[in-house]
């Protein structure tokens, strides 16, 4: 089936998509207001988008991460973050939580992942980060189902 034949969820019910976008904006503000670093937020959104194979959201959050100073090296090895040794304890806990929440059908959020996250995140930080993960997973599902296009970047 071609991408053109897909129902474009955000165009079919724009009011629902606008509400999700507003939720995402609010979640981003909550995250910033409660100690979640913008770059950390982008990393977990990139990781969820990798897991969900959402090229559209990967492009969006890669660009944002680069604009915040993220290095190409850390973005390149993000899918192998456990082995990379390039991420802080806080980032590792966030990435583990992101994977557990994104792959919830693989066994839910284990007590070990939860405890590791709570060791480095306060209650409000944990809740804010969790909302970031919930939000990106919703966007991933919309973009993947509708097959949002990622147009090639013209050569410079």
N, C-alpha and C. Protein backbone atom coordinates (compact mmCIF):
# COMPACT_ATOMS: atom_id res chain seq x y z
N UNK A 1 0.85 -1.17 0.00
CA UNK A 1 0.00 0.00 0.00
C UNK A 1 0.90 1.24 0.00
N UNK A 2 0.58 2.17 -0.84
CA UNK A 2 1.39 3.38 -0.91
C UNK A 2 1.08 4.31 0.27
N UNK A 3 2.03 5.17 0.55
CA UNK A 3 1.84 6.14 1.62
C UNK A 3 0.64 7.03 1.33
N UNK A 4 0.44 7.35 0.07
CA UNK A 4 -0.68 8.22 -0.31
C UNK A 4 -2.03 7.59 0.01
N UNK A 5 -2.10 6.26 0.05
CA UNK A 5 -3.35 5.57 0.34
C UNK A 5 -3.66 5.48 1.83
N UNK A 6 -2.71 5.85 2.66
CA UNK A 6 -2.89 5.79 4.11
C UNK A 6 -3.78 6.92 4.61
N UNK A 7 -4.56 6.64 5.63
CA UNK A 7 -5.33 7.69 6.30
C UNK A 7 -4.34 8.51 7.11
N UNK A 8 -4.33 9.79 6.88
CA UNK A 8 -3.44 10.70 7.61
C UNK A 8 -4.20 11.15 8.85
N UNK A 9 -3.87 10.54 9.99
CA UNK A 9 -4.65 10.75 11.21
C UNK A 9 -4.77 12.21 11.62
N UNK A 10 -3.68 12.96 11.50
CA UNK A 10 -3.71 14.36 11.94
C UNK A 10 -4.56 15.22 11.02
N UNK A 11 -4.68 14.83 9.76
CA UNK A 11 -5.51 15.60 8.82
C UNK A 11 -6.98 15.17 8.89
N UNK A 12 -7.21 13.93 9.25
CA UNK A 12 -8.58 13.43 9.31
C UNK A 12 -9.34 14.01 10.51
N UNK A 13 -8.66 14.07 11.65
CA UNK A 13 -9.24 14.67 12.84
C UNK A 13 -8.24 15.68 13.42
N UNK A 14 -8.12 16.84 12.76
CA UNK A 14 -7.11 17.81 13.20
C UNK A 14 -7.31 18.29 14.63
N UNK A 15 -8.54 18.33 15.11
CA UNK A 15 -8.75 18.81 16.48
C UNK A 15 -8.12 17.86 17.50
N UNK A 16 -8.19 16.57 17.24
CA UNK A 16 -7.56 15.60 18.14
C UNK A 16 -6.04 15.76 18.10
N UNK A 17 -5.49 15.93 16.91
CA UNK A 17 -4.05 16.11 16.77
C UNK A 17 -3.60 17.40 17.45
N UNK A 18 -4.38 18.46 17.30
CA UNK A 18 -4.05 19.73 17.95
C UNK A 18 -4.04 19.58 19.47
N UNK A 19 -4.96 18.79 20.00
CA UNK A 19 -4.99 18.56 21.45
C UNK A 19 -3.77 17.76 21.89
N UNK A 20 -3.35 16.78 21.08
CA UNK A 20 -2.15 16.02 21.40
C UNK A 20 -0.93 16.94 21.33
N UNK A 21 -0.87 17.81 20.35
CA UNK A 21 0.24 18.76 20.24
C UNK A 21 0.25 19.70 21.45
N UNK A 22 -0.93 20.13 21.88
CA UNK A 22 -1.01 20.99 23.07
C UNK A 22 -0.55 20.23 24.32
N UNK A 23 -0.93 18.96 24.41
CA UNK A 23 -0.46 18.12 25.52
C UNK A 23 1.06 18.03 25.49
N UNK A 24 1.63 17.81 24.32
CA UNK A 24 3.08 17.71 24.19
C UNK A 24 3.75 19.01 24.62
N UNK A 25 3.19 20.13 24.25
CA UNK A 25 3.73 21.43 24.66
C UNK A 25 3.67 21.57 26.17
N UNK A 26 2.54 21.20 26.76
CA UNK A 26 2.41 21.27 28.22
C UNK A 26 3.37 20.33 28.90
N UNK A 27 3.51 19.12 28.39
CA UNK A 27 4.43 18.15 28.96
C UNK A 27 5.86 18.68 28.89
N UNK A 28 6.23 19.28 27.78
CA UNK A 28 7.56 19.86 27.66
C UNK A 28 7.81 20.94 28.70
N UNK A 29 6.80 21.77 28.92
CA UNK A 29 6.93 22.83 29.94
C UNK A 29 7.02 22.23 31.34
N UNK A 30 6.21 21.24 31.61
CA UNK A 30 6.26 20.56 32.91
C UNK A 30 7.65 19.96 33.12
N UNK A 31 8.18 19.33 32.08
CA UNK A 31 9.50 18.71 32.19
C UNK A 31 10.56 19.77 32.51
N UNK A 32 10.55 20.87 31.76
CA UNK A 32 11.53 21.94 32.01
C UNK A 32 11.36 22.53 33.40
N UNK A 33 10.12 22.76 33.81
CA UNK A 33 9.84 23.38 35.11
C UNK A 33 10.19 22.47 36.28
N UNK A 34 10.32 21.18 36.00
CA UNK A 34 10.56 20.23 37.09
C UNK A 34 11.91 19.52 36.98
N UNK A 35 12.86 20.17 36.34
CA UNK A 35 14.24 19.70 36.39
C UNK A 35 14.68 18.71 35.33
N UNK A 36 13.86 18.45 34.32
CA UNK A 36 14.29 17.57 33.24
C UNK A 36 15.00 18.43 32.20
N UNK A 37 16.27 18.16 32.03
CA UNK A 37 17.07 18.93 31.11
C UNK A 37 16.53 18.76 29.68
N UNK A 38 16.48 19.84 28.90
CA UNK A 38 15.97 19.72 27.52
C UNK A 38 16.69 18.65 26.69
N UNK A 39 18.00 18.53 26.85
CA UNK A 39 18.72 17.52 26.08
C UNK A 39 18.34 16.11 26.51
N UNK A 40 18.13 15.90 27.80
CA UNK A 40 17.69 14.60 28.29
C UNK A 40 16.33 14.25 27.69
N UNK A 41 15.45 15.22 27.64
CA UNK A 41 14.14 15.01 27.05
C UNK A 41 14.27 14.60 25.58
N UNK A 42 15.15 15.26 24.85
CA UNK A 42 15.35 14.91 23.44
C UNK A 42 15.93 13.50 23.29
N UNK A 43 16.86 13.13 24.17
CA UNK A 43 17.45 11.79 24.10
C UNK A 43 16.39 10.71 24.27
N UNK A 44 15.52 10.85 25.26
CA UNK A 44 14.50 9.81 25.45
C UNK A 44 13.50 9.80 24.29
N UNK A 45 13.22 10.97 23.73
CA UNK A 45 12.31 11.00 22.59
C UNK A 45 12.95 10.36 21.36
N UNK A 46 14.25 10.55 21.21
CA UNK A 46 14.95 9.89 20.11
C UNK A 46 14.96 8.38 20.33
N UNK A 47 15.21 7.95 21.57
CA UNK A 47 15.28 6.51 21.84
C UNK A 47 13.92 5.84 21.62
N UNK A 48 12.85 6.44 22.09
CA UNK A 48 11.52 5.87 21.84
C UNK A 48 11.25 5.81 20.34
N UNK A 49 11.62 6.85 19.63
CA UNK A 49 11.40 6.89 18.18
C UNK A 49 12.23 5.84 17.46
N UNK A 50 13.43 5.55 17.96
CA UNK A 50 14.23 4.45 17.39
C UNK A 50 13.50 3.12 17.58
N UNK A 51 13.05 2.87 18.79
CA UNK A 51 12.37 1.61 19.10
C UNK A 51 11.12 1.45 18.24
N UNK A 52 10.38 2.54 18.07
CA UNK A 52 9.13 2.50 17.32
C UNK A 52 9.34 2.67 15.81
N UNK A 53 10.59 2.77 15.39
CA UNK A 53 10.94 2.94 13.97
C UNK A 53 10.20 4.12 13.34
N UNK A 54 10.19 5.22 14.07
CA UNK A 54 9.50 6.42 13.59
C UNK A 54 10.53 7.41 13.03
N UNK A 55 10.77 7.33 11.75
CA UNK A 55 11.76 8.18 11.10
C UNK A 55 11.40 9.65 11.22
N UNK A 56 10.12 9.95 11.11
CA UNK A 56 9.68 11.35 11.18
C UNK A 56 10.05 11.97 12.53
N UNK A 57 9.72 11.31 13.62
CA UNK A 57 10.02 11.85 14.95
C UNK A 57 11.52 11.81 15.23
N UNK A 58 12.21 10.81 14.70
CA UNK A 58 13.67 10.77 14.86
C UNK A 58 14.30 12.00 14.24
N UNK A 59 13.85 12.38 13.07
CA UNK A 59 14.40 13.56 12.42
C UNK A 59 14.13 14.80 13.27
N UNK A 60 12.90 14.96 13.72
CA UNK A 60 12.53 16.13 14.52
C UNK A 60 13.42 16.23 15.77
N UNK A 61 13.53 15.15 16.50
CA UNK A 61 14.24 15.20 17.78
C UNK A 61 15.77 15.16 17.62
N UNK A 62 16.25 14.62 16.53
CA UNK A 62 17.68 14.70 16.24
C UNK A 62 18.08 16.15 15.98
N UNK A 63 17.28 16.84 15.18
CA UNK A 63 17.56 18.26 14.91
C UNK A 63 17.53 19.08 16.19
N UNK A 64 16.54 18.81 17.04
CA UNK A 64 16.46 19.54 18.31
C UNK A 64 17.66 19.24 19.19
N UNK A 65 18.05 17.97 19.26
CA UNK A 65 19.19 17.59 20.09
C UNK A 65 20.47 18.26 19.59
N UNK A 66 20.67 18.28 18.29
CA UNK A 66 21.84 18.95 17.73
C UNK A 66 21.84 20.43 18.08
N UNK A 67 20.68 21.05 18.00
CA UNK A 67 20.59 22.49 18.31
C UNK A 67 20.88 22.77 19.78
N UNK A 68 20.70 21.75 20.64
CA UNK A 68 20.98 21.89 22.07
C UNK A 68 22.42 21.51 22.42
N UNK A 69 23.19 21.12 21.41
CA UNK A 69 24.59 20.80 21.64
C UNK A 69 24.93 19.33 21.73
N UNK A 70 23.97 18.46 21.45
CA UNK A 70 24.27 17.02 21.48
C UNK A 70 25.31 16.70 20.41
N UNK A 71 26.15 15.71 20.70
CA UNK A 71 27.21 15.35 19.76
C UNK A 71 26.74 14.25 18.81
N UNK A 72 27.24 14.28 17.58
CA UNK A 72 26.91 13.20 16.65
C UNK A 72 27.32 11.83 17.19
N UNK A 73 28.43 11.76 17.91
CA UNK A 73 28.89 10.48 18.45
C UNK A 73 27.85 9.86 19.39
N UNK A 74 27.34 10.67 20.33
CA UNK A 74 26.35 10.14 21.28
C UNK A 74 25.05 9.77 20.58
N UNK A 75 24.67 10.51 19.57
CA UNK A 75 23.44 10.18 18.84
C UNK A 75 23.64 8.91 18.02
N UNK A 76 24.83 8.73 17.49
CA UNK A 76 25.11 7.54 16.67
C UNK A 76 25.01 6.26 17.49
N UNK A 77 25.46 6.30 18.73
CA UNK A 77 25.46 5.08 19.55
C UNK A 77 24.28 5.01 20.52
N UNK A 78 23.30 5.87 20.35
CA UNK A 78 22.16 5.90 21.29
C UNK A 78 21.47 4.56 21.42
N UNK A 79 21.30 3.84 20.33
CA UNK A 79 20.60 2.54 20.42
C UNK A 79 21.42 1.51 21.20
N UNK A 80 22.72 1.77 21.38
CA UNK A 80 23.59 0.88 22.15
C UNK A 80 24.11 1.61 23.39
N UNK A 81 23.26 2.41 24.00
CA UNK A 81 23.67 3.27 25.11
C UNK A 81 24.26 2.48 26.28
N UNK A 82 23.78 1.28 26.53
CA UNK A 82 24.30 0.49 27.66
C UNK A 82 25.78 0.17 27.50
N UNK A 83 26.19 -0.07 26.27
CA UNK A 83 27.57 -0.45 25.99
C UNK A 83 28.47 0.75 25.72
N UNK A 84 27.88 1.89 25.45
CA UNK A 84 28.65 3.04 24.96
C UNK A 84 29.51 3.71 26.01
N UNK A 85 29.07 3.77 27.25
CA UNK A 85 29.85 4.46 28.28
C UNK A 85 29.88 5.97 28.12
N UNK A 86 28.99 6.52 27.34
CA UNK A 86 28.97 7.96 27.06
C UNK A 86 27.87 8.71 27.77
N UNK A 87 27.06 8.00 28.55
CA UNK A 87 25.88 8.61 29.14
C UNK A 87 25.98 8.61 30.66
N UNK A 88 25.48 9.66 31.25
CA UNK A 88 25.52 9.80 32.71
C UNK A 88 24.56 8.81 33.37
N UNK A 89 24.68 8.69 34.68
CA UNK A 89 23.78 7.81 35.42
C UNK A 89 22.32 8.24 35.22
N UNK A 90 22.09 9.52 35.25
CA UNK A 90 20.74 10.07 35.05
C UNK A 90 20.22 9.74 33.65
N UNK A 91 21.07 9.90 32.65
CA UNK A 91 20.67 9.58 31.28
C UNK A 91 20.40 8.09 31.13
N UNK A 92 21.24 7.26 31.71
CA UNK A 92 21.04 5.80 31.63
C UNK A 92 19.73 5.38 32.28
N UNK A 93 19.43 5.97 33.43
CA UNK A 93 18.16 5.65 34.11
C UNK A 93 16.98 6.09 33.25
N UNK A 94 17.09 7.26 32.64
CA UNK A 94 16.00 7.76 31.78
C UNK A 94 15.83 6.89 30.54
N UNK A 95 16.93 6.48 29.95
CA UNK A 95 16.85 5.64 28.76
C UNK A 95 16.28 4.26 29.09
N UNK A 96 16.65 3.70 30.23
CA UNK A 96 16.09 2.41 30.64
C UNK A 96 14.58 2.53 30.89
N UNK A 97 14.18 3.61 31.54
CA UNK A 97 12.76 3.85 31.78
C UNK A 97 12.02 4.02 30.45
N UNK A 98 12.62 4.77 29.55
CA UNK A 98 12.02 4.97 28.23
C UNK A 98 11.81 3.64 27.52
N UNK A 99 12.82 2.80 27.52
CA UNK A 99 12.69 1.50 26.86
C UNK A 99 11.61 0.65 27.51
N UNK A 100 11.57 0.64 28.83
CA UNK A 100 10.57 -0.17 29.53
C UNK A 100 9.15 0.33 29.25
N UNK A 101 8.98 1.65 29.24
CA UNK A 101 7.65 2.20 28.98
C UNK A 101 7.25 2.04 27.52
N UNK A 102 8.19 2.13 26.62
CA UNK A 102 7.90 1.99 25.19
C UNK A 102 7.62 0.54 24.82
N UNK A 103 8.35 -0.37 25.45
CA UNK A 103 8.19 -1.80 25.19
C UNK A 103 7.39 -2.46 26.32
N UNK A 104 6.34 -1.80 26.76
CA UNK A 104 5.58 -2.24 27.93
C UNK A 104 5.06 -3.67 27.76
N UNK A 105 4.81 -4.10 26.55
CA UNK A 105 4.32 -5.47 26.34
C UNK A 105 5.40 -6.52 26.58
N UNK A 106 6.66 -6.10 26.70
CA UNK A 106 7.75 -7.03 26.96
C UNK A 106 7.96 -7.32 28.44
N UNK A 107 7.09 -6.81 29.29
CA UNK A 107 7.23 -7.13 30.71
C UNK A 107 7.00 -5.96 31.63
N UNK A 108 6.44 -4.92 31.12
CA UNK A 108 6.12 -3.76 31.95
C UNK A 108 7.38 -3.08 32.47
N UNK A 109 7.21 -2.09 33.32
CA UNK A 109 8.34 -1.40 33.92
C UNK A 109 8.74 -2.20 35.16
N UNK A 110 9.89 -2.82 35.09
CA UNK A 110 10.32 -3.69 36.18
C UNK A 110 10.62 -2.87 37.44
N UNK A 111 10.59 -3.55 38.56
CA UNK A 111 10.95 -2.90 39.82
C UNK A 111 12.38 -2.37 39.77
N UNK A 112 13.26 -3.08 39.10
CA UNK A 112 14.67 -2.66 38.98
C UNK A 112 14.80 -1.36 38.19
N UNK A 113 14.13 -1.28 37.06
CA UNK A 113 14.17 -0.06 36.24
C UNK A 113 13.54 1.10 37.00
N UNK A 114 12.41 0.84 37.62
CA UNK A 114 11.72 1.86 38.39
C UNK A 114 12.61 2.39 39.53
N UNK A 115 13.21 1.48 40.28
CA UNK A 115 14.05 1.87 41.41
C UNK A 115 15.28 2.66 40.95
N UNK A 116 15.89 2.24 39.84
CA UNK A 116 17.06 2.95 39.32
C UNK A 116 16.68 4.38 38.92
N UNK A 117 15.52 4.53 38.32
CA UNK A 117 15.07 5.87 37.94
C UNK A 117 14.75 6.72 39.16
N UNK A 118 14.14 6.13 40.15
CA UNK A 118 13.78 6.89 41.35
C UNK A 118 15.00 7.26 42.19
N UNK A 119 16.10 6.54 42.01
CA UNK A 119 17.34 6.91 42.71
C UNK A 119 17.90 8.23 42.21
N UNK A 120 17.66 8.55 40.95
CA UNK A 120 18.25 9.76 40.37
C UNK A 120 17.23 10.83 40.00
N UNK A 121 15.95 10.49 40.05
CA UNK A 121 14.91 11.45 39.74
C UNK A 121 13.97 11.61 40.93
N UNK A 122 13.67 12.85 41.27
CA UNK A 122 12.67 13.10 42.32
C UNK A 122 11.31 12.62 41.81
N UNK A 123 10.33 12.65 42.68
CA UNK A 123 8.98 12.23 42.29
C UNK A 123 8.46 13.06 41.12
N UNK A 124 8.63 14.38 41.20
CA UNK A 124 8.12 15.23 40.12
C UNK A 124 8.95 15.08 38.85
N UNK A 125 10.26 14.89 38.98
CA UNK A 125 11.09 14.65 37.79
C UNK A 125 10.67 13.33 37.13
N UNK A 126 10.47 12.31 37.93
CA UNK A 126 10.06 11.01 37.40
C UNK A 126 8.73 11.13 36.66
N UNK A 127 7.78 11.81 37.26
CA UNK A 127 6.47 11.97 36.63
C UNK A 127 6.58 12.77 35.34
N UNK A 128 7.35 13.85 35.37
CA UNK A 128 7.52 14.69 34.18
C UNK A 128 8.18 13.90 33.06
N UNK A 129 9.24 13.18 33.38
CA UNK A 129 9.93 12.37 32.38
C UNK A 129 9.00 11.29 31.82
N UNK A 130 8.21 10.68 32.67
CA UNK A 130 7.26 9.67 32.21
C UNK A 130 6.26 10.26 31.23
N UNK A 131 5.80 11.46 31.50
CA UNK A 131 4.87 12.12 30.57
C UNK A 131 5.53 12.42 29.23
N UNK A 132 6.81 12.77 29.24
CA UNK A 132 7.54 12.97 27.98
C UNK A 132 7.53 11.67 27.17
N UNK A 133 7.76 10.56 27.84
CA UNK A 133 7.81 9.26 27.17
C UNK A 133 6.42 8.87 26.66
N UNK A 134 5.39 9.11 27.44
CA UNK A 134 4.02 8.83 27.00
C UNK A 134 3.69 9.65 25.75
N UNK A 135 4.04 10.92 25.79
CA UNK A 135 3.73 11.83 24.68
C UNK A 135 4.42 11.41 23.39
N UNK A 136 5.72 11.12 23.46
CA UNK A 136 6.42 10.76 22.22
C UNK A 136 5.92 9.44 21.67
N UNK A 137 5.55 8.51 22.54
CA UNK A 137 5.00 7.25 22.05
C UNK A 137 3.68 7.47 21.32
N UNK A 138 2.87 8.39 21.79
CA UNK A 138 1.62 8.71 21.08
C UNK A 138 1.92 9.28 19.69
N UNK A 139 2.86 10.23 19.62
CA UNK A 139 3.22 10.80 18.33
C UNK A 139 3.83 9.75 17.40
N UNK A 140 4.67 8.87 17.94
CA UNK A 140 5.26 7.81 17.12
C UNK A 140 4.18 6.96 16.48
N UNK A 141 3.18 6.60 17.26
CA UNK A 141 2.14 5.73 16.73
C UNK A 141 1.33 6.41 15.63
N UNK A 142 1.11 7.69 15.76
CA UNK A 142 0.39 8.44 14.72
C UNK A 142 1.24 8.50 13.45
N UNK A 143 2.50 8.89 13.60
CA UNK A 143 3.37 9.06 12.43
C UNK A 143 3.64 7.73 11.73
N UNK A 144 3.84 6.66 12.49
CA UNK A 144 4.11 5.36 11.89
C UNK A 144 2.87 4.81 11.18
N UNK A 145 1.72 4.92 11.82
CA UNK A 145 0.49 4.42 11.22
C UNK A 145 0.15 5.17 9.93
N UNK A 146 0.32 6.49 9.96
CA UNK A 146 0.02 7.31 8.79
C UNK A 146 1.18 7.37 7.80
N UNK A 147 2.32 6.81 8.18
CA UNK A 147 3.54 6.82 7.37
C UNK A 147 3.92 8.24 6.95
N UNK A 148 4.11 9.08 7.96
CA UNK A 148 4.58 10.43 7.70
C UNK A 148 5.89 10.35 6.92
N UNK A 149 5.99 11.11 5.88
CA UNK A 149 7.17 11.09 5.03
C UNK A 149 8.33 11.86 5.63
N UNK A 150 9.49 11.35 5.37
CA UNK A 150 10.72 12.06 5.70
C UNK A 150 11.38 12.36 4.37
N UNK A 151 11.20 13.58 3.92
CA UNK A 151 11.76 13.97 2.62
C UNK A 151 13.28 14.03 2.71
N UNK A 152 13.93 13.65 1.61
CA UNK A 152 15.39 13.73 1.59
C UNK A 152 15.86 15.18 1.76
N UNK A 153 16.99 15.32 2.41
CA UNK A 153 17.59 16.64 2.57
C UNK A 153 18.44 16.88 1.33
N UNK A 154 18.22 18.00 0.65
CA UNK A 154 19.02 18.27 -0.56
C UNK A 154 20.51 18.39 -0.20
N UNK A 155 21.35 17.90 -1.10
CA UNK A 155 22.80 18.00 -0.91
C UNK A 155 23.21 19.47 -0.93
N UNK A 156 24.16 19.79 -0.09
CA UNK A 156 24.62 21.18 -0.03
C UNK A 156 25.72 21.43 -1.02
